[in-house]
Amino acid sequence: MTDQIILNADPRERTGTNKAREIRNTDGMIPAIVYGDEKETLNIKLKLNELTKASENELFYTQVLLIKTQENEEKVVLKELQRDPAKGKFLHADFQRVSRKTKLKVNIPVNFLNEEECSGIKIDGGVVAKTIREIEIMCLAGNIPESIDVDIQNLNLGDSIWLTEISLPEGSEIPSLTEETDQMVVTINAPKAVEEDPIIEGEHEDGEISDDGEVDTAESSETSPSEADKEESSEEN
C-alpha cells in the first residue's frame, strides 16, 4: 500500500479575499479550509512547497490525506484545488473530513494488465483501444483503491470489456450504472491495412524516367572514350 500523503498546516485567522492574497504573497503559503463530519470549519494555511509536491502525485486527488496542525490531525479528501487560470498558481484548497465509514465518490484510474500477453494483439496483431482511463466509483473512505485493474490477456480480436463486467473492490459501486448507461472500457480492434507506395509505370532503378516512359542512362546518351578513339583512328587511316 502506498504511504499516506501528509500535509503540515498552520491555523489561519485571517479570512477574505484580501487576507488570502496576503497569505499567498507575504507568507508564501496557500489558504485552505477543512469542513464536514458535523464539526466546525477549520481555516488553515498550507506550505506551498508541500502542496506543490503532493499535487504531483495522482493519489493526492483520490486517496485519504492527513493534515497535521499543532493541535490535532485531520483525515480528509481533496474536494477542490483552485488555481489561477492564467498563471496556474495555487489560490485555495478545500478538504472534506472523512472517517473510515464515510462514503465518497472518487475518480479512480484504470490499470490495464497483461497488455503484452493479450491474445488479440500477440496472435492476431490487433490494436488495443482504451476508451476509459478512469472510473468514478462510490466507496468507503477507508477502502479507496489506488487503481481499478482490468485484465485484457484473454481478449481476442473484436472482444471488449464493459463497465458492468469489471470487478470492483468490496463495498464499491459505480453510481447509476445500468444496462442503458453501460460503457465500453477497452476493445481489441483489427490492425489497420498497410498502404504500399504506388509503382510508377516505366520506373527504372538505374536511371531516370523520360517523358515517354523510357529510361535514360549515361551509357545510352554518351559515346564511351574507347569508341571515340576507334573512330578517330579509322578517319586518319
Protein backbone atom coordinates (compact mmCIF):
# COMPACT_ATOMS: atom_id res chain seq x y z
CA MET A 1 0.00 0.00 0.00
CA THR A 2 1.31 3.47 -0.89
CA ASP A 3 2.33 5.70 2.03
CA GLN A 4 -0.27 8.24 3.05
CA ILE A 5 0.26 11.80 1.85
CA ILE A 6 0.78 14.19 4.77
CA LEU A 7 0.35 17.97 4.70
CA ASN A 8 1.51 20.22 7.54
CA ALA A 9 -0.74 23.20 8.23
CA ASP A 10 -0.87 26.30 10.42
CA PRO A 11 -4.09 27.82 11.78
CA ARG A 12 -5.42 30.79 9.84
CA GLU A 13 -7.38 33.56 11.50
CA ARG A 14 -7.40 35.89 8.54
CA THR A 15 -10.22 35.32 6.03
CA GLY A 16 -11.49 37.15 2.98
CA THR A 17 -10.05 37.90 -0.44
CA ASN A 18 -7.50 40.50 0.68
CA LYS A 19 -6.32 38.35 3.57
CA ALA A 20 -5.98 35.30 1.31
CA ARG A 21 -3.90 37.32 -1.14
CA GLU A 22 -1.69 38.49 1.73
CA ILE A 23 -1.17 34.89 2.89
CA ARG A 24 -0.05 33.88 -0.59
CA ASN A 25 2.15 36.90 -1.31
CA THR A 26 3.56 37.67 2.15
CA ASP A 27 3.56 34.30 3.94
CA GLY A 28 4.28 32.24 0.84
CA MET A 29 1.51 29.81 1.85
CA ILE A 30 -1.86 28.73 0.44
CA PRO A 31 -5.14 29.34 2.32
CA ALA A 32 -7.40 26.32 2.78
CA ILE A 33 -10.37 25.03 4.74
CA VAL A 34 -11.33 21.71 6.33
CA TYR A 35 -15.05 21.02 6.79
CA GLY A 36 -17.58 18.23 7.29
CA ASP A 37 -18.22 15.35 9.70
CA GLU A 38 -20.53 17.65 11.72
CA LYS A 39 -17.57 19.61 13.05
CA GLU A 40 -16.65 23.29 12.90
CA THR A 41 -14.96 24.50 9.73
CA LEU A 42 -11.21 24.82 10.21
CA ASN A 43 -9.35 27.66 8.50
CA ILE A 44 -5.74 26.72 7.74
CA LYS A 45 -2.82 27.62 5.50
CA LEU A 46 -0.52 25.12 3.81
CA LYS A 47 3.11 25.30 2.85
CA LEU A 48 3.38 25.95 -0.87
CA ASN A 49 6.26 23.51 -1.45
CA GLU A 50 4.42 20.65 0.30
CA LEU A 51 1.19 21.31 -1.60
CA THR A 52 3.06 21.50 -4.90
CA LYS A 53 4.85 18.20 -4.27
CA ALA A 54 1.64 16.48 -3.15
CA SER A 55 -0.27 17.71 -6.22
CA GLU A 56 2.25 15.97 -8.48
CA ASN A 57 1.12 12.61 -7.06
CA GLU A 58 -2.07 11.32 -8.75
CA LEU A 59 -3.12 9.75 -5.44
CA PHE A 60 -3.45 13.25 -3.99
CA TYR A 61 -6.74 13.57 -5.87
CA THR A 62 -8.23 10.19 -4.90
CA GLN A 63 -6.82 8.98 -1.58
CA VAL A 64 -7.44 9.93 2.04
CA LEU A 65 -4.91 12.59 3.09
CA LEU A 66 -3.63 13.51 6.54
CA ILE A 67 -3.46 17.18 7.52
CA LYS A 68 -1.42 17.88 10.63
CA THR A 69 -1.69 21.02 12.75
CA GLN A 70 -0.06 21.79 16.08
CA GLU A 71 -3.18 20.72 17.93
CA ASN A 72 -4.58 17.74 16.00
CA GLU A 73 -4.73 15.65 12.83
CA GLU A 74 -7.49 15.57 10.24
CA LYS A 75 -8.21 12.77 7.78
CA VAL A 76 -9.55 14.40 4.65
CA VAL A 77 -10.08 14.09 0.91
CA LEU A 78 -9.48 16.90 -1.54
CA LYS A 79 -12.72 18.46 -2.78
CA GLU A 80 -11.37 21.43 -4.73
CA LEU A 81 -7.98 22.87 -5.63
CA GLN A 82 -8.29 26.35 -7.11
CA ARG A 83 -5.63 27.69 -9.47
CA ASP A 84 -5.10 30.98 -11.25
CA PRO A 85 -6.44 30.26 -14.77
CA ALA A 86 -3.74 32.38 -16.41
CA LYS A 87 -0.63 31.62 -14.33
CA GLY A 88 -1.57 28.21 -12.87
CA LYS A 89 -0.63 29.27 -9.34
CA PHE A 90 -2.47 27.74 -6.38
CA LEU A 91 -5.12 30.03 -4.89
CA HIS A 92 -7.12 27.96 -2.38
CA ALA A 93 -7.83 24.36 -1.32
CA ASP A 94 -10.96 22.73 0.13
CA PHE A 95 -10.78 19.48 2.10
CA GLN A 96 -13.60 17.32 3.48
CA ARG A 97 -13.22 15.37 6.72
CA VAL A 98 -13.78 11.64 6.47
CA SER A 99 -13.95 8.60 8.68
CA ARG A 100 -13.40 5.03 7.55
CA LYS A 101 -17.16 4.64 7.24
CA THR A 102 -17.69 7.79 5.17
CA LYS A 103 -18.89 7.00 1.66
CA LEU A 104 -17.30 9.05 -1.09
CA LYS A 105 -17.46 9.49 -4.84
CA VAL A 106 -13.93 9.33 -6.22
CA ASN A 107 -12.38 9.02 -9.68
CA ILE A 108 -10.01 6.04 -9.83
CA PRO A 109 -7.52 5.44 -12.68
CA VAL A 110 -7.86 2.23 -14.71
CA ASN A 111 -4.81 -0.04 -14.80
CA PHE A 112 -4.76 -2.35 -17.85
CA LEU A 113 -2.98 -5.65 -17.10
CA ASN A 114 -1.18 -8.13 -19.42
CA GLU A 115 -1.37 -5.94 -22.50
CA GLU A 116 1.74 -7.57 -23.99
CA GLU A 117 0.22 -11.04 -23.48
CA CYS A 118 -3.19 -10.16 -24.94
CA SER A 119 -4.24 -12.88 -27.42
CA GLY A 120 -5.80 -10.47 -29.89
CA ILE A 121 -2.60 -8.42 -30.01
CA LYS A 122 0.04 -11.14 -29.74
CA ILE A 123 -1.55 -13.66 -32.11
CA ASP A 124 -3.75 -11.62 -34.46
CA GLY A 125 -1.79 -8.36 -34.50
CA GLY A 126 -4.74 -6.38 -33.19
CA VAL A 127 -4.61 -2.90 -31.69
CA VAL A 128 -5.86 -2.10 -28.18
CA ALA A 129 -8.29 0.82 -27.88
CA LYS A 130 -8.70 2.16 -24.33
CA THR A 131 -11.90 4.21 -24.25
CA ILE A 132 -11.99 4.92 -20.50
CA ARG A 133 -8.96 5.93 -18.43
CA GLU A 134 -10.65 6.49 -15.06
CA ILE A 135 -13.89 5.44 -13.41
CA GLU A 136 -16.00 7.25 -10.83
CA ILE A 137 -16.94 4.91 -8.01
CA MET A 138 -18.71 5.16 -4.67
CA CYS A 139 -16.81 3.53 -1.81
CA LEU A 140 -15.86 3.81 1.85
CA ALA A 141 -13.14 6.34 2.64
CA GLY A 142 -11.11 3.60 4.31
CA ASN A 143 -11.31 1.37 1.24
CA ILE A 144 -10.39 3.63 -1.70
CA PRO A 145 -8.41 1.61 -4.26
CA GLU A 146 -5.28 3.07 -5.86
CA SER A 147 -6.46 1.81 -9.25
CA ILE A 148 -9.03 -0.46 -10.87
CA ASP A 149 -7.31 -3.40 -12.57
CA VAL A 150 -8.65 -4.63 -15.93
CA ASP A 151 -7.01 -7.81 -17.25
CA ILE A 152 -7.05 -7.98 -21.07
CA GLN A 153 -4.88 -11.09 -21.53
CA ASN A 154 -7.74 -13.29 -22.78
CA LEU A 155 -9.27 -10.77 -25.16
CA ASN A 156 -9.33 -11.88 -28.79
CA LEU A 157 -9.74 -9.75 -31.89
CA GLY A 158 -13.05 -7.89 -31.65
CA ASP A 159 -13.54 -8.61 -27.93
CA SER A 160 -14.41 -5.85 -25.46
CA ILE A 161 -14.79 -5.25 -21.73
CA TRP A 162 -17.63 -3.08 -20.41
CA LEU A 163 -18.17 -1.29 -17.10
CA THR A 164 -20.70 -3.90 -15.97
CA GLU A 165 -18.03 -6.61 -16.41
CA ILE A 166 -15.40 -5.01 -14.17
CA SER A 167 -14.65 -6.40 -10.70
CA LEU A 168 -14.69 -3.61 -8.11
CA PRO A 169 -13.27 -3.67 -4.55
CA GLU A 170 -15.65 -4.93 -1.89
CA GLY A 171 -18.16 -2.28 -0.89
CA SER A 172 -17.59 -0.23 -4.03
CA GLU A 173 -20.03 0.54 -6.82
CA ILE A 174 -20.34 2.66 -9.94
CA PRO A 175 -23.18 5.14 -9.26
CA SER A 176 -26.23 4.94 -11.55
CA LEU A 177 -24.70 2.15 -13.68
CA THR A 178 -27.35 0.27 -15.66
CA GLU A 179 -27.52 -1.59 -18.95
CA GLU A 180 -28.61 1.68 -20.57
CA THR A 181 -25.66 3.68 -19.16
CA ASP A 182 -23.08 0.92 -19.60
CA GLN A 183 -19.91 1.97 -21.45
CA MET A 184 -17.09 0.15 -23.19
CA VAL A 185 -13.78 0.33 -21.31
CA VAL A 186 -11.41 -1.40 -23.75
CA THR A 187 -11.59 -3.31 -27.03
CA ILE A 188 -9.21 -5.04 -29.44
CA ASN A 189 -9.52 -3.70 -32.96
CA ALA A 190 -8.33 -5.26 -36.19
CA PRO A 191 -4.94 -3.99 -37.43
CA LYS A 192 -5.03 -1.20 -39.98
CA ALA A 193 -4.17 -2.09 -43.58
CA VAL A 194 -0.67 -1.04 -44.63
CA GLU A 195 -0.70 1.09 -47.76
CA GLU A 196 2.20 0.43 -50.15
CA ASP A 197 3.77 3.16 -52.30
CA PRO A 198 2.35 3.08 -55.85
CA ILE A 199 4.66 1.80 -58.61
CA ILE A 200 5.06 4.33 -61.44
CA GLU A 201 4.91 2.81 -64.92
CA GLY A 202 8.25 2.97 -66.69
CA GLU A 203 10.26 3.48 -63.48
CA HIS A 204 13.79 2.01 -63.54
CA GLU A 205 16.20 1.87 -60.64
CA ASP A 206 19.30 2.58 -62.79
CA GLY A 207 18.14 5.75 -64.49
CA GLU A 208 15.61 8.50 -64.83
CA ILE A 209 12.19 8.36 -66.47
CA SER A 210 11.78 10.34 -69.67
CA ASP A 211 8.55 11.93 -70.80
CA ASP A 212 7.74 8.91 -72.99
CA GLY A 213 8.42 6.45 -70.18
CA GLU A 214 11.87 5.39 -71.49
CA VAL A 215 14.86 5.22 -69.19
CA ASP A 216 17.82 7.47 -69.99
CA THR A 217 21.17 6.21 -68.74
CA ALA A 218 24.72 7.54 -69.03
CA GLU A 219 25.73 4.67 -71.30
CA SER A 220 22.88 5.22 -73.80
CA SER A 221 23.34 9.00 -74.09
CA GLU A 222 27.12 9.29 -74.39
CA THR A 223 29.82 7.59 -76.52
CA SER A 224 32.40 5.78 -74.44
CA PRO A 225 36.03 7.01 -74.59
CA SER A 226 37.24 3.76 -76.22
CA GLU A 227 34.70 4.00 -79.10
CA ALA A 228 35.71 7.62 -79.78
CA ASP A 229 39.37 6.63 -80.08
CA LYS A 230 38.47 3.94 -82.61
CA GLU A 231 36.53 6.41 -84.78
CA GLU A 232 39.41 8.95 -84.82
CA SER A 233 41.92 6.18 -85.77
CA SER A 234 39.83 4.97 -88.73
CA GLU A 235 39.49 8.53 -90.12
CA GLU A 236 43.29 9.05 -90.04
CA ASN A 237 43.85 5.81 -91.99
